[in-house]
Amino acid sequence: GNKGGSVLGVILALIQLVLSGLLVYQVVSANILSTTYLAVLVIVLVVLFAIALLTQKGGRAARTSGKILSVIISIILGILLFYMGQFLGFLNNYSDGKKVSEEPFVVFVSASDEFGTYNPKENYRSDTNILAVVNPKTSTVLMISTPRDYYVPIIAKSVAPDSYDKLTHAGKYGTGIAYDQNGSELTSSGWNWAQEVTWGVGNTAIMDTLKTLYNIPVSSKNYHYVQLNFTGFAKLIDAMGGITVKVDKPFSTTTYASYGDTETKERKKYTYTKGNMKMDGATALTYARERHSFGNGDMQRNKNQVKVLKAIEKKALSGTTLLHYNSILDAIENSFTTDMDISSSINLLKDGGSDGWNIMSFGVIGTPSKDLCTYTGTYLATVLQDKDSVARATDLMNMTLNGKTTQEIKKQIKKYNKEQGN
């Protein structure tokens, strides 16, 4: 063909090769694919480059097809590079956190009871309180759920011993250090009720409270947190294309989380039918928050929250979710906080694989009551601790941390659930 056409063909092929190399470099830098997947990616890119190059050495029709193919491939690679760049930017925003270890560790998973943009300068009540005990060596995850109204002693520097409160309020104590109006640090004798003073922003108090409650033998470097607000929770599920939850107790409610008309704020009625049910973000959030529809209130809510988290985890590990990661990251970017290095977390999740991780759950129980709460100075609805149930949860956590097999842990969970009447 003509010389100009040949030069153009070579330029297009080189552009494709450069873009391919950049994409492979970004993937390697992110370390988000296993060696097998990376090898397949490289082979596919080499084959595509070879096809485009060979077609440009044929007849006029082949050369024209080759140029068109090179342009199309280059556009696709450019789009992939753009989204990979956004993904790497997201990872960089959370690369200063604690790297997850290959040793067993614990993650405090919290859903704060607020909507809108997450404010990193504010302490929130924790509506969902789950400790995820992770053992990478056995690919085991045990989720321990604690009722939000559990009546517990708050473990914090500026709080006097035996100061009891609802667990959900523990999030409002932040770092556990109180300050007066002048910013001076206070001791426990410097305030009457916790809501009257300012608390340092963080999750130390609620994490220490849970660690003490269950006597968790884990170091601070292996004790992490992930906190998501209600808006991020709902948007995350929507961005994933919804989740499927197995409903065991059907009910209807209009109590929580109005996602009705944006002008009138009219609430929707949510109806949950027994069996596998596809849920969008609003439906899943309402399902996870409802308690008034059940005789055992907070206990059933705990079970439902674990069901939702399991469904999210299952969807997150599916191949279809990986195609929408950009919208997922956009959904949660301003709605969550964590102290973990996201990159190392992704690598850990990837290494386990969709079939590798064994995820189990156990919920502690208690007795409904009404007690004086240190934060408000008023008597509020609480759930009194069941010491035997707490001891069972501690035993299961130790089994997971110590590397017991999934079969052994499941057998013990079944035994403990029977003892609790579940």
Protein backbone atom coordinates (compact mmCIF):
# COMPACT_ATOMS: atom_id res chain seq x y z
CA GLY A 1 0.00 0.00 0.00
CA ASN A 2 0.96 3.65 0.10
CA LYS A 3 3.72 4.75 2.41
CA GLY A 4 1.48 7.04 4.50
CA GLY A 5 -0.94 4.20 5.17
CA SER A 6 1.90 1.93 6.28
CA VAL A 7 3.28 4.56 8.64
CA LEU A 8 -0.19 5.11 10.11
CA GLY A 9 -0.59 1.37 10.63
CA VAL A 10 2.72 1.11 12.45
CA ILE A 11 1.88 4.14 14.63
CA LEU A 12 -1.49 2.62 15.59
CA ALA A 13 0.14 -0.71 16.42
CA LEU A 14 2.77 1.05 18.56
CA ILE A 15 0.07 3.05 20.38
CA GLN A 16 -1.74 -0.20 21.09
CA LEU A 17 1.47 -1.81 22.33
CA VAL A 18 2.30 1.13 24.61
CA LEU A 19 -1.23 1.21 26.06
CA SER A 20 -1.08 -2.54 26.61
CA GLY A 21 2.23 -2.20 28.42
CA LEU A 22 0.88 0.60 30.62
CA LEU A 23 -2.20 -1.44 31.51
CA VAL A 24 -0.11 -4.46 32.48
CA TYR A 25 2.18 -2.21 34.51
CA GLN A 26 -0.77 -0.68 36.40
CA VAL A 27 -2.25 -4.10 37.13
CA VAL A 28 1.12 -5.37 38.38
CA SER A 29 1.58 -2.23 40.51
CA ALA A 30 -1.86 -2.64 42.06
CA ASN A 31 -1.13 -6.32 42.71
CA ILE A 32 -4.83 -7.14 42.39
CA LEU A 33 -4.59 -10.15 40.07
CA SER A 34 -3.12 -13.57 40.70
CA THR A 35 -0.21 -14.75 38.56
CA THR A 36 -2.54 -16.91 36.46
CA TYR A 37 -4.94 -14.06 35.65
CA LEU A 38 -2.02 -11.74 34.91
CA ALA A 39 -0.49 -14.28 32.52
CA VAL A 40 -3.82 -14.64 30.69
CA LEU A 41 -4.09 -10.83 30.40
CA VAL A 42 -0.62 -10.56 28.90
CA ILE A 43 -1.31 -13.37 26.41
CA VAL A 44 -4.59 -11.78 25.30
CA LEU A 45 -2.94 -8.39 24.78
CA VAL A 46 -0.05 -9.94 22.81
CA VAL A 47 -2.46 -11.88 20.58
CA LEU A 48 -4.54 -8.78 19.89
CA PHE A 49 -1.41 -6.81 19.03
CA ALA A 50 -0.22 -9.60 16.71
CA ILE A 51 -3.60 -9.80 14.95
CA ALA A 52 -3.66 -6.05 14.34
CA LEU A 53 -0.07 -6.09 13.09
CA LEU A 54 -0.54 -9.08 10.77
CA THR A 55 -3.74 -7.74 9.19
CA GLN A 56 -1.90 -4.56 8.27
CA LYS A 57 0.64 -6.60 6.27
CA GLY A 58 -2.06 -8.19 4.06
CA GLY A 59 -4.07 -6.71 1.20
CA ARG A 60 -5.75 -3.32 1.20
CA ALA A 61 -8.92 -4.66 2.88
CA ALA A 62 -6.85 -6.42 5.53
CA ARG A 63 -4.79 -3.29 6.15
CA THR A 64 -7.92 -1.20 6.54
CA SER A 65 -9.41 -3.78 8.93
CA GLY A 66 -6.15 -3.85 10.86
CA LYS A 67 -6.16 -0.07 11.32
CA ILE A 68 -9.79 -0.13 12.48
CA LEU A 69 -9.00 -2.99 14.85
CA SER A 70 -6.01 -1.11 16.28
CA VAL A 71 -8.13 2.00 16.87
CA ILE A 72 -10.86 -0.01 18.60
CA ILE A 73 -8.36 -1.89 20.78
CA SER A 74 -6.56 1.35 21.65
CA ILE A 75 -9.85 2.98 22.70
CA ILE A 76 -10.72 -0.02 24.87
CA LEU A 77 -7.25 0.01 26.45
CA GLY A 78 -7.53 3.75 27.04
CA ILE A 79 -10.83 3.27 28.87
CA LEU A 80 -9.36 0.46 30.96
CA LEU A 81 -6.36 2.63 31.82
CA PHE A 82 -8.67 5.47 32.89
CA TYR A 83 -10.70 3.27 35.22
CA MET A 84 -7.60 1.52 36.52
CA GLY A 85 -6.14 4.94 37.29
CA GLN A 86 -9.25 5.83 39.28
CA PHE A 87 -9.01 2.54 41.11
CA LEU A 88 -5.35 3.11 41.96
CA GLY A 89 -6.20 6.63 43.13
CA PHE A 90 -8.80 5.15 45.47
CA LEU A 91 -6.22 2.68 46.80
CA ASN A 92 -3.72 5.48 47.34
CA ASN A 93 -6.26 7.38 49.45
CA TYR A 94 -6.33 4.41 51.83
CA SER A 95 -2.76 3.20 51.56
CA ASP A 96 -1.61 4.78 54.82
CA GLY A 97 -3.64 2.46 57.01
CA LYS A 98 -2.53 -0.67 58.81
CA LYS A 99 -1.76 -3.52 56.45
CA VAL A 100 -3.76 -6.63 57.12
CA SER A 101 -1.62 -9.46 58.37
CA GLU A 102 -1.20 -13.05 57.29
CA GLU A 103 -1.68 -13.73 60.98
CA PRO A 104 -5.22 -13.93 62.41
CA PHE A 105 -6.83 -10.53 62.98
CA VAL A 106 -10.14 -8.92 63.95
CA VAL A 107 -12.17 -6.24 62.14
CA PHE A 108 -14.85 -4.15 63.85
CA VAL A 109 -17.59 -3.60 61.27
CA SER A 110 -19.91 -0.72 62.06
CA ALA A 111 -22.86 0.94 60.32
CA SER A 112 -23.39 4.39 61.81
CA ASP A 113 -26.94 5.71 62.02
CA GLU A 114 -26.49 8.72 59.74
CA PHE A 115 -27.35 9.55 56.13
CA GLY A 116 -25.49 11.72 53.63
CA THR A 117 -21.76 12.39 53.47
CA TYR A 118 -19.64 10.84 56.19
CA ASN A 119 -18.13 13.51 58.45
CA PRO A 120 -14.68 12.40 59.71
CA LYS A 121 -14.82 15.07 62.43
CA GLU A 122 -17.89 13.64 64.14
CA ASN A 123 -18.62 10.62 66.34
CA TYR A 124 -21.64 8.49 65.47
CA ARG A 125 -23.80 5.93 67.21
CA SER A 126 -23.17 2.46 65.86
CA ASP A 127 -26.33 0.72 64.66
CA THR A 128 -24.51 -2.43 63.52
CA ASN A 129 -21.77 -3.94 65.67
CA ILE A 130 -20.04 -6.97 64.21
CA LEU A 131 -16.61 -8.37 64.98
CA ALA A 132 -15.19 -10.23 62.01
CA VAL A 133 -12.52 -12.66 63.21
CA VAL A 134 -10.32 -13.51 60.22
CA ASN A 135 -7.81 -16.34 60.02
CA PRO A 136 -6.00 -16.19 56.64
CA LYS A 137 -4.19 -19.46 57.37
CA THR A 138 -7.44 -21.43 57.50
CA SER A 139 -9.42 -19.08 55.16
CA THR A 140 -11.99 -18.74 57.92
CA VAL A 141 -14.11 -15.73 58.89
CA LEU A 142 -16.29 -15.74 62.00
CA MET A 143 -18.77 -12.87 62.41
CA ILE A 144 -19.86 -12.17 65.99
CA SER A 145 -22.86 -9.83 66.21
CA THR A 146 -23.68 -7.88 69.36
CA PRO A 147 -27.07 -6.18 69.96
CA ARG A 148 -26.84 -2.41 69.56
CA ASP A 149 -28.59 -1.95 72.92
CA TYR A 150 -26.32 -4.34 74.84
CA TYR A 151 -25.73 -2.87 78.31
CA VAL A 152 -21.95 -2.77 78.68
CA PRO A 153 -19.29 -0.98 80.76
CA ILE A 154 -17.68 1.71 78.59
CA ILE A 155 -13.91 1.23 78.44
CA ALA A 156 -12.33 4.66 77.90
CA LYS A 157 -9.70 6.87 79.48
CA SER A 158 -12.08 9.65 80.60
CA VAL A 159 -14.80 7.26 81.76
CA ALA A 160 -15.01 5.94 85.31
CA PRO A 161 -14.98 2.15 85.78
CA ASP A 162 -18.38 0.47 85.80
CA SER A 163 -19.99 3.28 83.81
CA TYR A 164 -22.61 1.37 81.85
CA ASP A 165 -24.26 2.39 78.62
CA LYS A 166 -25.87 1.01 75.49
CA LEU A 167 -23.28 -0.33 73.05
CA THR A 168 -24.61 1.95 70.31
CA HIS A 169 -23.71 4.96 72.47
CA ALA A 170 -20.12 3.74 72.83
CA GLY A 171 -19.45 5.13 69.35
CA LYS A 172 -20.23 8.63 70.67
CA TYR A 173 -17.34 8.39 73.14
CA GLY A 174 -14.89 8.43 70.20
CA THR A 175 -11.30 8.12 71.38
CA GLY A 176 -12.51 7.85 74.96
CA ILE A 177 -10.92 11.18 75.90
CA ALA A 178 -13.22 14.02 77.02
CA TYR A 179 -12.53 17.75 76.63
CA ASP A 180 -14.08 20.86 78.12
CA GLN A 181 -15.09 23.98 76.17
CA ASN A 182 -11.50 25.24 76.25
CA GLY A 183 -10.13 22.02 74.79
CA SER A 184 -8.58 20.85 78.05
CA GLU A 185 -8.62 17.12 78.74
CA LEU A 186 -11.04 15.95 81.42
CA THR A 187 -10.98 13.04 83.82
CA SER A 188 -14.09 11.04 84.69
CA SER A 189 -14.77 13.45 87.57
CA GLY A 190 -14.93 16.41 85.19
CA TRP A 191 -18.37 15.62 83.76
CA ASN A 192 -21.74 14.28 84.88
CA TRP A 193 -23.16 12.81 81.67
CA ALA A 194 -21.13 12.12 78.54
CA GLN A 195 -23.32 14.15 76.17
CA GLU A 196 -22.40 17.31 78.08
CA VAL A 197 -18.75 17.29 76.98
CA THR A 198 -16.74 16.90 73.76
CA TRP A 199 -15.12 13.59 72.89
CA GLY A 200 -12.11 12.99 70.67
CA VAL A 201 -13.09 11.64 67.25
CA GLY A 202 -12.41 7.96 66.65
CA ASN A 203 -13.47 4.38 67.33
CA THR A 204 -11.17 3.59 70.24
CA ALA A 205 -13.85 3.55 72.96
CA ILE A 206 -16.27 1.20 71.22
CA MET A 207 -13.48 -1.10 70.01
CA ASP A 208 -11.92 -1.28 73.48
CA THR A 209 -15.36 -1.88 74.98
CA LEU A 210 -15.97 -4.85 72.69
CA LYS A 211 -12.43 -6.16 73.16
CA THR A 212 -12.94 -6.14 76.92
CA LEU A 213 -16.44 -7.61 76.73
CA TYR A 214 -15.19 -10.65 74.81
CA ASN A 215 -11.64 -10.67 76.21
CA ILE A 216 -10.20 -10.80 72.69
CA PRO A 217 -6.48 -11.77 72.67
CA VAL A 218 -5.49 -9.61 69.70
CA SER A 219 -2.87 -6.85 69.46
CA SER A 220 -3.70 -3.32 68.34
CA LYS A 221 -1.90 -3.81 65.01
CA ASN A 222 -4.22 -6.72 64.22
CA TYR A 223 -7.40 -4.99 65.35
CA HIS A 224 -9.02 -2.95 62.57
CA TYR A 225 -12.24 -1.09 61.85
CA VAL A 226 -14.51 -0.35 58.90
CA GLN A 227 -17.30 2.15 59.42
CA LEU A 228 -19.98 2.83 56.83
CA ASN A 229 -22.98 5.14 57.19
CA PHE A 230 -26.51 4.29 56.05
CA THR A 231 -26.25 6.19 52.77
CA GLY A 232 -23.04 4.40 51.83
CA PHE A 233 -24.54 1.07 52.89
CA ALA A 234 -27.55 1.50 50.57
CA LYS A 235 -25.53 2.91 47.67
CA LEU A 236 -22.98 0.12 47.96
CA ILE A 237 -25.69 -2.51 47.48
CA ASP A 238 -27.27 -0.59 44.59
CA ALA A 239 -23.89 -0.24 42.87
CA MET A 240 -23.40 -4.00 43.16
CA GLY A 241 -26.69 -4.58 41.39
CA GLY A 242 -28.55 -5.63 44.54
CA ILE A 243 -28.13 -8.67 46.76
CA THR A 244 -30.11 -11.82 47.47
CA VAL A 245 -31.02 -12.48 51.10
CA LYS A 246 -32.72 -15.57 52.53
CA VAL A 247 -35.61 -14.24 54.64
CA ASP A 248 -36.64 -16.65 57.41
CA LYS A 249 -39.28 -14.47 59.10
CA PRO A 250 -41.63 -12.53 56.75
CA PHE A 251 -42.86 -9.07 57.80
CA SER A 252 -43.93 -5.65 56.56
CA THR A 253 -42.79 -2.28 57.87
CA THR A 254 -42.72 1.45 57.17
CA THR A 255 -40.75 2.20 60.31
CA TYR A 256 -37.32 3.00 58.99
CA ALA A 257 -35.34 4.60 56.19
CA SER A 258 -37.72 6.47 53.90
CA TYR A 259 -36.64 6.19 50.29
CA GLY A 260 -39.95 7.41 48.91
CA ASP A 261 -40.73 10.59 47.01
CA THR A 262 -37.82 13.02 47.29
CA GLU A 263 -40.19 16.00 47.44
CA THR A 264 -42.91 14.80 49.83
CA LYS A 265 -40.62 12.50 51.83
CA GLU A 266 -43.51 10.05 51.86
CA ARG A 267 -42.37 6.73 53.27
CA LYS A 268 -42.55 3.47 51.42
CA LYS A 269 -43.96 0.26 52.78
CA TYR A 270 -41.49 -2.62 52.72
CA THR A 271 -42.74 -6.20 52.58
CA TYR A 272 -40.45 -9.17 53.06
CA THR A 273 -41.51 -12.64 51.94
CA LYS A 274 -40.07 -15.90 53.20
CA GLY A 275 -37.30 -17.42 51.09
CA ASN A 276 -34.63 -15.95 48.82
CA MET A 277 -35.44 -12.31 48.10
CA LYS A 278 -33.66 -9.88 45.79
CA MET A 279 -33.09 -6.55 47.55
CA ASP A 280 -31.89 -3.13 46.46
CA GLY A 281 -30.05 -0.84 48.85
CA ALA A 282 -33.09 0.73 50.50
CA THR A 283 -34.83 -2.61 50.94
CA ALA A 284 -31.72 -4.25 52.41
CA LEU A 285 -31.08 -1.32 54.76
CA THR A 286 -34.65 -1.39 56.05
CA TYR A 287 -34.45 -5.15 56.48
CA ALA A 288 -31.21 -4.85 58.45
CA ARG A 289 -32.59 -2.14 60.76
CA GLU A 290 -36.06 -3.47 61.59
CA ARG A 291 -36.65 -4.86 65.07
CA HIS A 292 -40.21 -3.90 66.08
CA SER A 293 -41.72 -6.59 63.85
CA PHE A 294 -40.16 -9.38 65.92
CA GLY A 295 -40.88 -10.75 69.35
CA ASN A 296 -37.16 -11.05 70.06
CA GLY A 297 -36.45 -7.58 68.65
CA ASP A 298 -32.73 -6.87 68.67
CA MET A 299 -31.84 -10.57 68.52
CA GLN A 300 -33.59 -11.04 65.17
CA ARG A 301 -32.19 -7.76 63.89
CA ASN A 302 -28.71 -9.09 64.63
CA LYS A 303 -29.42 -12.22 62.61
CA ASN A 304 -30.77 -10.18 59.72
CA GLN A 305 -27.75 -7.88 59.71
CA VAL A 306 -25.43 -10.87 59.45
CA LYS A 307 -27.54 -12.26 56.58
CA VAL A 308 -27.16 -8.98 54.72
CA LEU A 309 -23.39 -8.83 55.31
CA LYS A 310 -23.01 -12.41 54.06
CA ALA A 311 -25.02 -11.54 50.95
CA ILE A 312 -22.81 -8.49 50.33
CA GLU A 313 -19.67 -10.60 50.73
CA LYS A 314 -20.98 -13.23 48.32
CA LYS A 315 -21.84 -10.60 45.72
CA ALA A 316 -18.50 -8.82 46.21
CA LEU A 317 -16.63 -12.02 45.33
CA SER A 318 -18.70 -12.69 42.21
CA GLY A 319 -17.22 -12.05 38.79
CA THR A 320 -20.02 -9.67 37.77
CA THR A 321 -19.20 -7.28 40.60
CA LEU A 322 -15.66 -6.78 39.29
CA LEU A 323 -17.14 -5.26 36.13
CA HIS A 324 -18.75 -2.48 38.18
CA TYR A 325 -16.01 -1.69 40.70
CA ASN A 326 -15.77 1.93 39.57
CA SER A 327 -19.40 2.69 40.41
CA ILE A 328 -18.99 0.77 43.67
CA LEU A 329 -16.00 2.88 44.69
CA ASP A 330 -17.90 6.05 43.75
CA ALA A 331 -20.81 4.91 45.91
CA ILE A 332 -18.82 4.45 49.11
CA GLU A 333 -16.05 7.03 48.65
CA ASN A 334 -17.67 9.68 50.88
CA SER A 335 -19.58 7.31 53.11
CA PHE A 336 -17.03 5.21 54.96
CA THR A 337 -13.80 5.23 56.90
CA THR A 338 -11.27 2.54 57.78
CA ASP A 339 -7.84 2.17 59.33
CA MET A 340 -6.90 -0.67 56.98
CA ASP A 341 -4.68 -0.52 53.94
CA ILE A 342 -7.20 -1.27 51.18
CA SER A 343 -4.64 -2.73 48.79
CA SER A 344 -3.50 -5.41 51.24
CA SER A 345 -7.16 -6.13 52.07
CA ILE A 346 -7.98 -6.72 48.40
CA ASN A 347 -5.01 -9.03 48.04
CA LEU A 348 -6.15 -11.03 51.06
CA LEU A 349 -9.69 -11.30 49.69
CA LYS A 350 -8.33 -12.32 46.29
CA ASP A 351 -6.10 -15.02 47.77
CA GLY A 352 -9.04 -16.60 49.55
CA GLY A 353 -11.17 -16.69 46.42
CA SER A 354 -14.94 -17.11 46.13
CA ASP A 355 -14.71 -20.76 47.12
CA GLY A 356 -11.82 -20.46 49.54
CA TRP A 357 -13.27 -18.40 52.40
CA ASN A 358 -15.51 -20.12 54.94
CA ILE A 359 -17.77 -17.53 56.54
CA MET A 360 -19.69 -18.35 59.73
CA SER A 361 -21.68 -16.31 62.23
CA PHE A 362 -22.89 -16.30 65.81
CA GLY A 363 -25.06 -13.78 67.65
CA VAL A 364 -25.01 -13.15 71.37
CA ILE A 365 -28.32 -12.84 73.19
CA GLY A 366 -29.62 -10.99 76.24
CA THR A 367 -32.70 -9.88 78.16
CA PRO A 368 -34.69 -6.71 77.32
CA SER A 369 -34.54 -4.16 80.11
CA LYS A 370 -34.51 -0.43 80.88
CA ASP A 371 -31.45 1.05 82.54
CA LEU A 372 -29.58 4.27 83.30
CA CYS A 373 -27.21 5.20 80.46
CA THR A 374 -24.04 7.18 81.13
CA TYR A 375 -24.21 9.15 77.89
CA THR A 376 -27.67 10.69 78.29
CA GLY A 377 -28.22 10.38 82.03
CA THR A 378 -31.65 8.86 81.36
CA TYR A 379 -33.24 5.43 81.58
CA LEU A 380 -33.44 3.87 78.12
CA ALA A 381 -34.33 0.53 76.58
CA THR A 382 -31.37 -1.84 76.86
CA VAL A 383 -30.47 -5.51 76.51
CA LEU A 384 -28.88 -7.02 79.60
CA GLN A 385 -25.90 -9.28 78.97
CA ASP A 386 -26.21 -13.04 78.94
CA LYS A 387 -22.86 -14.05 80.44
CA ASP A 388 -23.10 -17.58 79.04
CA SER A 389 -23.76 -16.26 75.53
CA VAL A 390 -20.80 -13.88 75.77
CA ALA A 391 -18.61 -16.77 76.92
CA ARG A 392 -19.75 -18.84 73.94
CA ALA A 393 -18.82 -16.04 71.55
CA THR A 394 -15.41 -15.72 73.20
CA ASP A 395 -14.82 -19.45 72.83
CA LEU A 396 -15.73 -19.35 69.12
CA MET A 397 -13.43 -16.38 68.52
CA ASN A 398 -10.54 -18.17 70.22
CA MET A 399 -11.22 -21.29 68.16
CA THR A 400 -11.00 -19.22 64.97
CA LEU A 401 -7.89 -17.31 66.04
CA ASN A 402 -6.19 -20.55 67.09
CA GLY A 403 -6.73 -22.19 63.72
CA LYS A 404 -9.48 -24.71 64.45
CA THR A 405 -11.04 -26.21 61.33
CA THR A 406 -14.27 -24.92 59.83
CA GLN A 407 -15.97 -28.20 60.67
CA GLU A 408 -14.99 -27.91 64.34
CA ILE A 409 -16.21 -24.31 64.58
CA LYS A 410 -19.48 -25.03 62.77
CA LYS A 411 -20.15 -27.97 65.08
CA GLN A 412 -19.60 -25.74 68.12
CA ILE A 413 -21.82 -22.97 66.67
CA LYS A 414 -24.59 -25.51 66.14
CA LYS A 415 -24.24 -26.68 69.75
CA TYR A 416 -24.26 -23.13 71.13
CA ASN A 417 -27.24 -22.09 68.99
CA LYS A 418 -29.17 -25.05 70.35
CA GLU A 419 -28.29 -24.01 73.90
CA GLN A 420 -29.58 -20.50 73.11
CA GLY A 421 -32.82 -21.86 71.66
CA ASN A 422 -32.02 -20.90 68.06
